[in-house]
Amino acid sequence: MSTPVILVLDTDPSPRLGRLTGRAVIRYADGRTLAGQLPDADVLLVWDFTSDAVRAAWPGDGPRPRWVHTASAGVDRLLCPDLAASPTVVTNARGVFELPIAEYVAGLVLAFAKDLPRTLDLQRQHRWRHRETRGLAGSRAVVVGAGPVGREIMRLLHGLGVRVALVGRTARRTIHGIEDLGRLAAGADWVISAAPLTDGTRGMFDARFFGLLQPCAHFVNVGRGRLVVEDALADALRRHWIAGAALDVFQEEPLGPSSPLWDVPGLLVSPHMSGDTAGWRDRLGEQFVSMYELWAAGEPLPNVVDIQRGYVPSTDIPS
């Protein structure tokens, strides 16, 4: 049997795959060379998970890799009809980012509740202004997205005394269905978006949604940028329909210096960093190597994406 070929859609810094030396042939591609190398690859590692190159390169003649792994939680940048119609197995980096993202969200909720952004502004102005801040215990949060990220956010917010409702695509046990979102959001102090990007979730947070929220509510998006109609969120903040918001993901990344979002009052902008704690790239590389060892041994792979749904289904969702 020939040595398997791993093709890496690369970005700097490259993954550390030294443990696979002698066990696989490792080749590297970028957006320009990917299409020409796909027919010779057994495995494709999408290390550059911000690229749309897979979607562009996948259609065409010749064989395609039997397994595609993306070093990200979301798979919307690579899914296309030709890939969906193929027998290729697609996996993601589930298990790497959940806790860091949940910690980031908890930090944002604490910062908003304790008015830390205004404290920093007043310090820069050398102004002493005493204020009262909000207590977290007993406040209400709605977390949209019932996957591992959403559940970890719920766990940490529970630890802060927040009453959390988790909303998923399908209602089951202690998880609300999407049909309950409007009712729950209307009474929430915190609305956290951690949903995957699918045809059903694209643009779900729009002017109508923000109009449902209380004036004291804060909105946080750590899911996908295209879940949010950004102009509608900016308008809601300018009109004081909601108290504040934080976006870690955007429709177009990186956010350009001329974007009006930088200057929206009450909006905290961060550069898609909520899941990136020190050593995250090493953890992604280690995860792929461990999964490759399973694949090479003919064992079932974890984190298999349901191509039709666009994410890894939770085990408590009926098929």
C-alpha atoms as a PDB file:
ATOM      1  CA  MET A   1       0.000   0.000   0.000  1.00  0.00           C
ATOM      2  CA  SER A   2       1.370   3.423  -0.940  1.00  0.00           C
ATOM      3  CA  THR A   3       2.090   6.041   1.702  1.00  0.00           C
ATOM      4  CA  PRO A   4      -0.913   8.368   2.131  1.00  0.00           C
ATOM      5  CA  VAL A   5      -0.564  11.931   0.877  1.00  0.00           C
ATOM      6  CA  ILE A   6      -1.652  14.750   3.185  1.00  0.00           C
ATOM      7  CA  LEU A   7      -2.220  18.043   1.391  1.00  0.00           C
ATOM      8  CA  VAL A   8      -2.151  21.111   3.644  1.00  0.00           C
ATOM      9  CA  LEU A   9      -3.919  24.294   2.601  1.00  0.00           C
ATOM     10  CA  ASP A  10      -1.275  26.295   4.357  1.00  0.00           C
ATOM     11  CA  THR A  11      -0.892  29.589   6.133  1.00  0.00           C
ATOM     12  CA  ASP A  12       1.889  30.920   8.319  1.00  0.00           C
ATOM     13  CA  PRO A  13       2.749  29.480  10.786  1.00  0.00           C
ATOM     14  CA  SER A  14       2.448  25.987   9.336  1.00  0.00           C
ATOM     15  CA  PRO A  15       1.124  23.069  11.398  1.00  0.00           C
ATOM     16  CA  ARG A  16       3.631  20.995  13.324  1.00  0.00           C
ATOM     17  CA  LEU A  17       3.234  17.518  11.834  1.00  0.00           C
ATOM     18  CA  GLY A  18       6.612  16.026  12.748  1.00  0.00           C
ATOM     19  CA  ARG A  19       5.000  12.996  14.379  1.00  0.00           C
ATOM     20  CA  LEU A  20       3.814  11.904  10.935  1.00  0.00           C
ATOM     21  CA  THR A  21       7.315  11.779   9.431  1.00  0.00           C
ATOM     22  CA  GLY A  22       7.679   8.522   7.502  1.00  0.00           C
ATOM     23  CA  ARG A  23       3.990   7.737   7.920  1.00  0.00           C
ATOM     24  CA  ALA A  24       2.619  10.176   5.374  1.00  0.00           C
ATOM     25  CA  VAL A  25       3.784  12.325   2.481  1.00  0.00           C
ATOM     26  CA  ILE A  26       3.031  15.928   3.401  1.00  0.00           C
ATOM     27  CA  ARG A  27       2.580  18.506   0.664  1.00  0.00           C
ATOM     28  CA  TYR A  28       1.570  22.149   0.854  1.00  0.00           C
ATOM     29  CA  ALA A  29      -0.721  24.269  -1.287  1.00  0.00           C
ATOM     30  CA  ASP A  30      -2.165  27.751  -1.383  1.00  0.00           C
ATOM     31  CA  GLY A  31      -5.236  29.104  -3.107  1.00  0.00           C
ATOM     32  CA  ARG A  32      -3.500  29.154  -6.496  1.00  0.00           C
ATOM     33  CA  THR A  33      -2.124  25.607  -6.419  1.00  0.00           C
ATOM     34  CA  LEU A  34      -4.819  23.736  -4.488  1.00  0.00           C
ATOM     35  CA  ALA A  35      -6.945  22.624  -7.457  1.00  0.00           C
ATOM     36  CA  GLY A  36      -3.998  21.075  -9.255  1.00  0.00           C
ATOM     37  CA  GLN A  37      -2.903  19.055  -6.229  1.00  0.00           C
ATOM     38  CA  LEU A  38      -6.279  17.792  -4.993  1.00  0.00           C
ATOM     39  CA  PRO A  39      -6.407  14.687  -7.265  1.00  0.00           C
ATOM     40  CA  ASP A  40      -3.201  13.306  -5.722  1.00  0.00           C
ATOM     41  CA  ALA A  41      -4.195  13.819  -2.086  1.00  0.00           C
ATOM     42  CA  ASP A  42      -5.726  11.257   0.260  1.00  0.00           C
ATOM     43  CA  VAL A  43      -6.289  13.793   3.030  1.00  0.00           C
ATOM     44  CA  LEU A  44      -6.785  17.555   2.930  1.00  0.00           C
ATOM     45  CA  LEU A  45      -5.965  19.583   6.022  1.00  0.00           C
ATOM     46  CA  VAL A  46      -7.552  23.023   5.753  1.00  0.00           C
ATOM     47  CA  TRP A  47      -5.082  24.825   8.002  1.00  0.00           C
ATOM     48  CA  ASP A  48      -5.946  28.181   6.426  1.00  0.00           C
ATOM     49  CA  PHE A  49      -9.550  28.067   7.619  1.00  0.00           C
ATOM     50  CA  THR A  50     -10.196  31.678   6.568  1.00  0.00           C
ATOM     51  CA  SER A  51      -9.749  30.754   2.899  1.00  0.00           C
ATOM     52  CA  ASP A  52     -12.521  30.036   0.382  1.00  0.00           C
ATOM     53  CA  ALA A  53     -10.078  28.101  -1.824  1.00  0.00           C
ATOM     54  CA  VAL A  54     -11.594  24.663  -1.163  1.00  0.00           C
ATOM     55  CA  ARG A  55     -15.013  25.777  -2.382  1.00  0.00           C
ATOM     56  CA  ALA A  56     -13.439  27.107  -5.581  1.00  0.00           C
ATOM     57  CA  ALA A  57     -11.055  24.192  -6.180  1.00  0.00           C
ATOM     58  CA  TRP A  58     -13.206  21.174  -5.328  1.00  0.00           C
ATOM     59  CA  PRO A  59     -15.285  20.999  -8.550  1.00  0.00           C
ATOM     60  CA  GLY A  60     -13.316  19.423 -11.359  1.00  0.00           C
ATOM     61  CA  ASP A  61     -12.008  16.202 -12.840  1.00  0.00           C
ATOM     62  CA  GLY A  62     -10.070  13.499 -11.074  1.00  0.00           C
ATOM     63  CA  PRO A  63     -10.254  11.911  -7.652  1.00  0.00           C
ATOM     64  CA  ARG A  64     -10.698  13.919  -4.487  1.00  0.00           C
ATOM     65  CA  PRO A  65      -9.363  13.384  -0.944  1.00  0.00           C
ATOM     66  CA  ARG A  66     -11.226  10.818   1.093  1.00  0.00           C
ATOM     67  CA  TRP A  67     -11.064  12.970   4.199  1.00  0.00           C
ATOM     68  CA  VAL A  68     -11.093  16.748   4.706  1.00  0.00           C
ATOM     69  CA  HIS A  69     -10.311  18.241   8.114  1.00  0.00           C
ATOM     70  CA  THR A  70     -10.650  21.934   8.860  1.00  0.00           C
ATOM     71  CA  ALA A  71      -8.748  23.497  11.744  1.00  0.00           C
ATOM     72  CA  SER A  72     -11.834  25.467  12.775  1.00  0.00           C
ATOM     73  CA  ALA A  73     -15.230  24.922  14.353  1.00  0.00           C
ATOM     74  CA  GLY A  74     -17.160  26.329  11.386  1.00  0.00           C
ATOM     75  CA  VAL A  75     -17.207  24.639   7.985  1.00  0.00           C
ATOM     76  CA  ASP A  76     -19.126  27.261   5.985  1.00  0.00           C
ATOM     77  CA  ARG A  77     -15.957  28.455   4.190  1.00  0.00           C
ATOM     78  CA  LEU A  78     -15.384  25.085   2.514  1.00  0.00           C
ATOM     79  CA  LEU A  79     -18.765  23.447   1.923  1.00  0.00           C
ATOM     80  CA  CYS A  80     -20.028  23.432  -1.681  1.00  0.00           C
ATOM     81  CA  PRO A  81     -22.500  21.254  -3.645  1.00  0.00           C
ATOM     82  CA  ASP A  82     -19.737  19.123  -5.213  1.00  0.00           C
ATOM     83  CA  LEU A  83     -18.201  18.361  -1.829  1.00  0.00           C
ATOM     84  CA  ALA A  84     -21.613  17.647  -0.338  1.00  0.00           C
ATOM     85  CA  ALA A  85     -22.336  15.172  -3.150  1.00  0.00           C
ATOM     86  CA  SER A  86     -19.017  13.338  -2.746  1.00  0.00           C
ATOM     87  CA  PRO A  87     -18.249  10.435  -0.369  1.00  0.00           C
ATOM     88  CA  THR A  88     -15.558  12.529   1.332  1.00  0.00           C
ATOM     89  CA  VAL A  89     -15.705  12.654   5.129  1.00  0.00           C
ATOM     90  CA  VAL A  90     -15.460  16.178   6.595  1.00  0.00           C
ATOM     91  CA  THR A  91     -14.362  16.803  10.183  1.00  0.00           C
ATOM     92  CA  ASN A  92     -13.792  19.932  12.244  1.00  0.00           C
ATOM     93  CA  ALA A  93     -11.796  21.089  15.286  1.00  0.00           C
ATOM     94  CA  ARG A  94     -14.529  20.528  17.819  1.00  0.00           C
ATOM     95  CA  GLY A  95     -13.011  20.293  21.290  1.00  0.00           C
ATOM     96  CA  VAL A  96     -10.306  22.966  20.918  1.00  0.00           C
ATOM     97  CA  PHE A  97     -12.145  26.277  21.136  1.00  0.00           C
ATOM     98  CA  GLU A  98     -15.146  25.746  23.420  1.00  0.00           C
ATOM     99  CA  LEU A  99     -13.692  26.718  26.808  1.00  0.00           C
ATOM    100  CA  PRO A 100     -11.664  29.729  25.572  1.00  0.00           C
ATOM    101  CA  ILE A 101     -14.718  31.139  23.784  1.00  0.00           C
ATOM    102  CA  ALA A 102     -16.892  30.617  26.847  1.00  0.00           C
ATOM    103  CA  GLU A 103     -14.305  32.377  29.019  1.00  0.00           C
ATOM    104  CA  TYR A 104     -14.254  35.274  26.561  1.00  0.00           C
ATOM    105  CA  VAL A 105     -18.037  35.576  26.656  1.00  0.00           C
ATOM    106  CA  ALA A 106     -18.053  35.473  30.450  1.00  0.00           C
ATOM    107  CA  GLY A 107     -15.459  38.237  30.433  1.00  0.00           C
ATOM    108  CA  LEU A 108     -17.607  40.366  28.133  1.00  0.00           C
ATOM    109  CA  VAL A 109     -20.708  39.870  30.266  1.00  0.00           C
ATOM    110  CA  LEU A 110     -18.780  40.856  33.392  1.00  0.00           C
ATOM    111  CA  ALA A 111     -17.276  43.888  31.634  1.00  0.00           C
ATOM    112  CA  PHE A 112     -20.679  45.098  30.476  1.00  0.00           C
ATOM    113  CA  ALA A 113     -22.364  44.454  33.820  1.00  0.00           C
ATOM    114  CA  LYS A 114     -19.637  46.318  35.696  1.00  0.00           C
ATOM    115  CA  ASP A 115     -19.450  49.132  33.115  1.00  0.00           C
ATOM    116  CA  LEU A 116     -15.716  48.617  32.518  1.00  0.00           C
ATOM    117  CA  PRO A 117     -15.673  50.176  29.021  1.00  0.00           C
ATOM    118  CA  ARG A 118     -16.963  53.465  30.451  1.00  0.00           C
ATOM    119  CA  THR A 119     -14.546  53.263  33.384  1.00  0.00           C
ATOM    120  CA  LEU A 120     -11.642  53.048  30.922  1.00  0.00           C
ATOM    121  CA  ASP A 121     -13.021  55.982  28.909  1.00  0.00           C
ATOM    122  CA  LEU A 122     -13.378  58.109  32.037  1.00  0.00           C
ATOM    123  CA  GLN A 123      -9.866  57.210  33.154  1.00  0.00           C
ATOM    124  CA  ARG A 124      -8.457  58.368  29.828  1.00  0.00           C
ATOM    125  CA  GLN A 125     -10.334  61.644  30.365  1.00  0.00           C
ATOM    126  CA  HIS A 126      -9.059  61.935  33.989  1.00  0.00           C
ATOM    127  CA  ARG A 127     -12.664  62.147  35.179  1.00  0.00           C
ATOM    128  CA  TRP A 128     -13.921  60.811  38.521  1.00  0.00           C
ATOM    129  CA  ARG A 129     -17.540  59.730  38.112  1.00  0.00           C
ATOM    130  CA  HIS A 130     -19.131  57.375  40.599  1.00  0.00           C
ATOM    131  CA  ARG A 131     -21.771  55.031  39.154  1.00  0.00           C
ATOM    132  CA  GLU A 132     -23.819  52.034  40.176  1.00  0.00           C
ATOM    133  CA  THR A 133     -23.340  48.826  38.170  1.00  0.00           C
ATOM    134  CA  ARG A 134     -25.464  45.776  37.524  1.00  0.00           C
ATOM    135  CA  GLY A 135     -25.464  42.540  39.467  1.00  0.00           C
ATOM    136  CA  LEU A 136     -25.158  39.340  37.439  1.00  0.00           C
ATOM    137  CA  ALA A 137     -26.844  36.948  39.857  1.00  0.00           C
ATOM    138  CA  GLY A 138     -30.432  36.437  38.797  1.00  0.00           C
ATOM    139  CA  SER A 139     -30.039  38.118  35.406  1.00  0.00           C
ATOM    140  CA  ARG A 140     -31.259  36.233  32.349  1.00  0.00           C
ATOM    141  CA  ALA A 141     -29.279  35.092  29.325  1.00  0.00           C
ATOM    142  CA  VAL A 142     -30.272  33.400  26.089  1.00  0.00           C
ATOM    143  CA  VAL A 143     -27.521  31.434  24.357  1.00  0.00           C
ATOM    144  CA  VAL A 144     -28.325  30.688  20.717  1.00  0.00           C
ATOM    145  CA  GLY A 145     -26.504  27.573  19.552  1.00  0.00           C
ATOM    146  CA  ALA A 146     -26.762  24.339  21.528  1.00  0.00           C
ATOM    147  CA  GLY A 147     -23.470  22.813  20.417  1.00  0.00           C
ATOM    148  CA  PRO A 148     -20.362  22.449  22.610  1.00  0.00           C
ATOM    149  CA  VAL A 149     -19.571  26.183  22.519  1.00  0.00           C
ATOM    150  CA  GLY A 150     -23.074  27.191  23.573  1.00  0.00           C
ATOM    151  CA  ARG A 151     -23.167  24.587  26.326  1.00  0.00           C
ATOM    152  CA  GLU A 152     -19.812  25.699  27.723  1.00  0.00           C
ATOM    153  CA  ILE A 153     -20.995  29.316  27.707  1.00  0.00           C
ATOM    154  CA  MET A 154     -24.105  28.224  29.584  1.00  0.00           C
ATOM    155  CA  ARG A 155     -21.991  26.370  32.157  1.00  0.00           C
ATOM    156  CA  LEU A 156     -19.761  29.361  32.914  1.00  0.00           C
ATOM    157  CA  LEU A 157     -22.638  31.834  33.052  1.00  0.00           C
ATOM    158  CA  HIS A 158     -24.467  29.518  35.443  1.00  0.00           C
ATOM    159  CA  GLY A 159     -21.396  29.757  37.670  1.00  0.00           C
ATOM    160  CA  LEU A 160     -21.853  33.535  37.767  1.00  0.00           C
ATOM    161  CA  GLY A 161     -25.444  33.161  38.902  1.00  0.00           C
ATOM    162  CA  VAL A 162     -26.987  33.924  35.514  1.00  0.00           C
ATOM    163  CA  ARG A 163     -30.209  32.131  34.575  1.00  0.00           C
ATOM    164  CA  VAL A 164     -29.534  30.714  31.114  1.00  0.00           C
ATOM    165  CA  ALA A 165     -31.892  29.453  28.403  1.00  0.00           C
ATOM    166  CA  LEU A 166     -30.168  27.460  25.664  1.00  0.00           C
ATOM    167  CA  VAL A 167     -31.742  27.598  22.202  1.00  0.00           C
ATOM    168  CA  GLY A 168     -30.978  25.056  19.499  1.00  0.00           C
ATOM    169  CA  ARG A 169     -32.335  24.040  16.127  1.00  0.00           C
ATOM    170  CA  THR A 170     -34.379  21.256  17.724  1.00  0.00           C
ATOM    171  CA  ALA A 171     -36.146  21.306  21.107  1.00  0.00           C
ATOM    172  CA  ARG A 172     -35.190  18.472  23.464  1.00  0.00           C
ATOM    173  CA  ARG A 173     -34.901  17.981  27.197  1.00  0.00           C
ATOM    174  CA  THR A 174     -33.597  21.275  28.662  1.00  0.00           C
ATOM    175  CA  ILE A 175     -32.945  22.918  25.269  1.00  0.00           C
ATOM    176  CA  HIS A 176     -35.477  25.234  23.631  1.00  0.00           C
ATOM    177  CA  GLY A 177     -36.254  25.082  19.933  1.00  0.00           C
ATOM    178  CA  ILE A 178     -35.688  28.045  17.632  1.00  0.00           C
ATOM    179  CA  GLU A 179     -39.423  28.819  17.742  1.00  0.00           C
ATOM    180  CA  ASP A 180     -38.955  29.961  21.371  1.00  0.00           C
ATOM    181  CA  LEU A 181     -36.142  32.418  20.604  1.00  0.00           C
ATOM    182  CA  GLY A 182     -38.231  35.573  20.227  1.00  0.00           C
ATOM    183  CA  ARG A 183     -40.147  35.018  23.449  1.00  0.00           C
ATOM    184  CA  LEU A 184     -37.008  34.241  25.444  1.00  0.00           C
ATOM    185  CA  ALA A 185     -34.930  37.051  23.944  1.00  0.00           C
ATOM    186  CA  ALA A 186     -37.607  39.630  24.776  1.00  0.00           C
ATOM    187  CA  GLY A 187     -37.000  39.033  28.485  1.00  0.00           C
ATOM    188  CA  ALA A 188     -33.221  38.560  28.372  1.00  0.00           C
ATOM    189  CA  ASP A 189     -30.465  40.762  29.758  1.00  0.00           C
ATOM    190  CA  TRP A 190     -27.826  38.994  27.656  1.00  0.00           C
ATOM    191  CA  VAL A 191     -28.229  37.408  24.218  1.00  0.00           C
ATOM    192  CA  ILE A 192     -25.243  35.331  23.120  1.00  0.00           C
ATOM    193  CA  SER A 193     -24.914  34.101  19.527  1.00  0.00           C
ATOM    194  CA  ALA A 194     -22.868  30.898  19.206  1.00  0.00           C
ATOM    195  CA  ALA A 195     -24.755  29.308  16.305  1.00  0.00           C
ATOM    196  CA  PRO A 196     -23.258  27.811  13.132  1.00  0.00           C
ATOM    197  CA  LEU A 197     -23.783  29.546   9.796  1.00  0.00           C
ATOM    198  CA  THR A 198     -26.353  27.709   7.670  1.00  0.00           C
ATOM    199  CA  ASP A 199     -29.043  28.728   5.204  1.00  0.00           C
ATOM    200  CA  GLY A 200     -31.452  28.772   8.136  1.00  0.00           C
ATOM    201  CA  THR A 201     -29.346  30.983  10.417  1.00  0.00           C
ATOM    202  CA  ARG A 202     -27.911  33.495   7.956  1.00  0.00           C
ATOM    203  CA  GLY A 203     -29.081  36.993   8.923  1.00  0.00           C
ATOM    204  CA  MET A 204     -31.235  35.705  11.784  1.00  0.00           C
ATOM    205  CA  PHE A 205     -30.280  38.645  14.024  1.00  0.00           C
ATOM    206  CA  ASP A 206     -31.943  41.458  12.097  1.00  0.00           C
ATOM    207  CA  ALA A 207     -33.876  44.657  12.791  1.00  0.00           C
ATOM    208  CA  ARG A 208     -36.962  42.731  13.846  1.00  0.00           C
ATOM    209  CA  PHE A 209     -34.933  40.677  16.320  1.00  0.00           C
ATOM    210  CA  PHE A 210     -33.174  43.671  17.880  1.00  0.00           C
ATOM    211  CA  GLY A 211     -36.548  45.396  18.159  1.00  0.00           C
ATOM    212  CA  LEU A 212     -37.689  42.586  20.475  1.00  0.00           C
ATOM    213  CA  LEU A 213     -34.960  43.163  23.044  1.00  0.00           C
ATOM    214  CA  GLN A 214     -35.161  45.183  26.228  1.00  0.00           C
ATOM    215  CA  PRO A 215     -33.366  48.570  26.395  1.00  0.00           C
ATOM    216  CA  CYS A 216     -31.094  47.059  29.081  1.00  0.00           C
ATOM    217  CA  ALA A 217     -30.097  44.065  26.928  1.00  0.00           C
ATOM    218  CA  HIS A 218     -26.620  43.362  25.562  1.00  0.00           C
ATOM    219  CA  PHE A 219     -25.905  41.271  22.455  1.00  0.00           C
ATOM    220  CA  VAL A 220     -22.716  39.241  21.880  1.00  0.00           C
ATOM    221  CA  ASN A 221     -21.751  37.347  18.711  1.00  0.00           C
ATOM    222  CA  VAL A 222     -18.989  34.722  18.827  1.00  0.00           C
ATOM    223  CA  GLY A 223     -20.623  32.486  16.206  1.00  0.00           C
ATOM    224  CA  ARG A 224     -20.336  33.606  12.589  1.00  0.00           C
ATOM    225  CA  GLY A 225     -20.360  37.148  11.241  1.00  0.00           C
ATOM    226  CA  ARG A 226     -23.107  36.564   8.709  1.00  0.00           C
ATOM    227  CA  LEU A 227     -25.547  35.570  11.409  1.00  0.00           C
ATOM    228  CA  VAL A 228     -25.942  39.286  12.139  1.00  0.00           C
ATOM    229  CA  VAL A 229     -27.317  42.043   9.921  1.00  0.00           C
ATOM    230  CA  GLU A 230     -24.638  44.508  10.966  1.00  0.00           C
ATOM    231  CA  ASP A 231     -26.452  47.646   9.810  1.00  0.00           C
ATOM    232  CA  ALA A 232     -29.492  46.624  11.863  1.00  0.00           C
ATOM    233  CA  LEU A 233     -27.358  46.105  14.979  1.00  0.00           C
ATOM    234  CA  ALA A 234     -25.627  49.464  14.492  1.00  0.00           C
ATOM    235  CA  ASP A 235     -29.006  51.169  14.076  1.00  0.00           C
ATOM    236  CA  ALA A 236     -30.369  49.496  17.227  1.00  0.00           C
ATOM    237  CA  LEU A 237     -27.391  50.771  19.223  1.00  0.00           C
ATOM    238  CA  ARG A 238     -27.639  54.314  17.853  1.00  0.00           C
ATOM    239  CA  ARG A 239     -31.359  54.393  18.653  1.00  0.00           C
ATOM    240  CA  HIS A 240     -30.684  52.981  22.156  1.00  0.00           C
ATOM    241  CA  TRP A 241     -32.978  50.031  21.520  1.00  0.00           C
ATOM    242  CA  ILE A 242     -30.350  47.951  23.357  1.00  0.00           C
ATOM    243  CA  ALA A 243     -27.685  48.912  25.881  1.00  0.00           C
ATOM    244  CA  GLY A 244     -24.619  47.505  24.155  1.00  0.00           C
ATOM    245  CA  ALA A 245     -23.109  44.789  21.989  1.00  0.00           C
ATOM    246  CA  ALA A 246     -19.863  42.971  21.272  1.00  0.00           C
ATOM    247  CA  LEU A 247     -18.846  41.445  17.959  1.00  0.00           C
ATOM    248  CA  ASP A 248     -15.882  39.079  17.641  1.00  0.00           C
ATOM    249  CA  VAL A 249     -16.836  37.975  14.120  1.00  0.00           C
ATOM    250  CA  PHE A 250     -17.897  40.005  11.094  1.00  0.00           C
ATOM    251  CA  GLN A 251     -19.399  39.643   7.642  1.00  0.00           C
ATOM    252  CA  GLU A 252     -16.079  40.658   6.093  1.00  0.00           C
ATOM    253  CA  GLU A 253     -12.796  40.005   7.875  1.00  0.00           C
ATOM    254  CA  PRO A 254     -10.523  41.676   8.639  1.00  0.00           C
ATOM    255  CA  LEU A 255     -12.713  44.668   9.419  1.00  0.00           C
ATOM    256  CA  GLY A 256     -11.465  47.531   7.276  1.00  0.00           C
ATOM    257  CA  PRO A 257     -10.241  50.760   8.893  1.00  0.00           C
ATOM    258  CA  SER A 258     -13.025  52.716   7.174  1.00  0.00           C
ATOM    259  CA  SER A 259     -15.819  50.480   8.499  1.00  0.00           C
ATOM    260  CA  PRO A 260     -18.461  52.497  10.394  1.00  0.00           C
ATOM    261  CA  LEU A 261     -18.672  49.673  12.960  1.00  0.00           C
ATOM    262  CA  TRP A 262     -15.526  50.946  14.706  1.00  0.00           C
ATOM    263  CA  ASP A 263     -17.393  54.053  15.847  1.00  0.00           C
ATOM    264  CA  VAL A 264     -20.841  52.699  16.712  1.00  0.00           C
ATOM    265  CA  PRO A 265     -21.683  53.810  20.274  1.00  0.00           C
ATOM    266  CA  GLY A 266     -21.907  50.930  22.701  1.00  0.00           C
ATOM    267  CA  LEU A 267     -20.263  48.409  20.338  1.00  0.00           C
ATOM    268  CA  LEU A 268     -17.126  46.521  21.407  1.00  0.00           C
ATOM    269  CA  VAL A 269     -15.125  45.238  18.417  1.00  0.00           C
ATOM    270  CA  SER A 270     -12.575  42.422  18.714  1.00  0.00           C
ATOM    271  CA  PRO A 271     -10.629  40.771  15.848  1.00  0.00           C
ATOM    272  CA  HIS A 272     -11.993  37.185  15.824  1.00  0.00           C
ATOM    273  CA  MET A 273      -9.901  36.211  18.830  1.00  0.00           C
ATOM    274  CA  SER A 274     -12.353  34.765  21.353  1.00  0.00           C
ATOM    275  CA  GLY A 275     -11.127  31.172  20.936  1.00  0.00           C
ATOM    276  CA  ASP A 276      -7.425  31.879  20.509  1.00  0.00           C
ATOM    277  CA  THR A 277      -5.550  31.327  23.754  1.00  0.00           C
ATOM    278  CA  ALA A 278      -1.776  30.780  23.909  1.00  0.00           C
ATOM    279  CA  GLY A 279      -0.821  27.509  22.198  1.00  0.00           C
ATOM    280  CA  TRP A 280      -4.040  27.127  20.210  1.00  0.00           C
ATOM    281  CA  ARG A 281      -2.238  26.321  16.953  1.00  0.00           C
ATOM    282  CA  ASP A 282      -0.244  23.566  18.654  1.00  0.00           C
ATOM    283  CA  ARG A 283      -3.458  22.095  20.025  1.00  0.00           C
ATOM    284  CA  LEU A 284      -4.994  22.126  16.540  1.00  0.00           C
ATOM    285  CA  GLY A 285      -1.955  20.333  15.113  1.00  0.00           C
ATOM    286  CA  GLU A 286      -2.002  17.736  17.881  1.00  0.00           C
ATOM    287  CA  GLN A 287      -5.698  17.135  17.306  1.00  0.00           C
ATOM    288  CA  PHE A 288      -5.162  16.527  13.584  1.00  0.00           C
ATOM    289  CA  VAL A 289      -2.273  14.109  14.200  1.00  0.00           C
ATOM    290  CA  SER A 290      -4.380  12.111  16.651  1.00  0.00           C
ATOM    291  CA  MET A 291      -7.252  12.005  14.179  1.00  0.00           C
ATOM    292  CA  TYR A 292      -4.888  10.975  11.353  1.00  0.00           C
ATOM    293  CA  GLU A 293      -3.707   8.039  13.436  1.00  0.00           C
ATOM    294  CA  LEU A 294      -7.312   6.889  13.802  1.00  0.00           C
ATOM    295  CA  TRP A 295      -7.954   7.355  10.075  1.00  0.00           C
ATOM    296  CA  ALA A 296      -4.799   5.441   9.085  1.00  0.00           C
ATOM    297  CA  ALA A 297      -5.821   2.578  11.373  1.00  0.00           C
ATOM    298  CA  GLY A 298      -9.288   2.419   9.819  1.00  0.00           C
ATOM    299  CA  GLU A 299     -10.957   3.585  13.024  1.00  0.00           C
ATOM    300  CA  PRO A 300     -14.033   5.872  13.058  1.00  0.00           C
ATOM    301  CA  LEU A 301     -13.257   9.580  13.114  1.00  0.00           C
ATOM    302  CA  PRO A 302     -14.684  11.967  15.703  1.00  0.00           C
ATOM    303  CA  ASN A 303     -16.171  15.365  14.813  1.00  0.00           C
ATOM    304  CA  VAL A 304     -17.774  14.207  11.558  1.00  0.00           C
ATOM    305  CA  VAL A 305     -19.769  17.047  10.013  1.00  0.00           C
ATOM    306  CA  ASP A 306     -23.305  16.451   8.805  1.00  0.00           C
ATOM    307  CA  ILE A 307     -22.938  18.042   5.374  1.00  0.00           C
ATOM    308  CA  GLN A 308     -26.646  18.741   5.010  1.00  0.00           C
ATOM    309  CA  ARG A 309     -26.854  20.515   8.374  1.00  0.00           C
ATOM    310  CA  GLY A 310     -23.462  22.211   8.131  1.00  0.00           C
ATOM    311  CA  TYR A 311     -22.183  21.252  11.589  1.00  0.00           C
ATOM    312  CA  VAL A 312     -21.401  18.283  13.846  1.00  0.00           C
ATOM    313  CA  PRO A 313     -24.746  17.179  15.326  1.00  0.00           C
ATOM    314  CA  SER A 314     -24.993  16.779  19.067  1.00  0.00           C
ATOM    315  CA  THR A 315     -25.513  13.222  20.234  1.00  0.00           C
ATOM    316  CA  ASP A 316     -28.860  14.118  21.833  1.00  0.00           C
ATOM    317  CA  ILE A 317     -30.421  15.243  18.528  1.00  0.00           C
ATOM    318  CA  PRO A 318     -32.566  12.651  16.719  1.00  0.00           C
ATOM    319  CA  SER A 319     -31.307  11.899  13.247  1.00  0.00           C
END
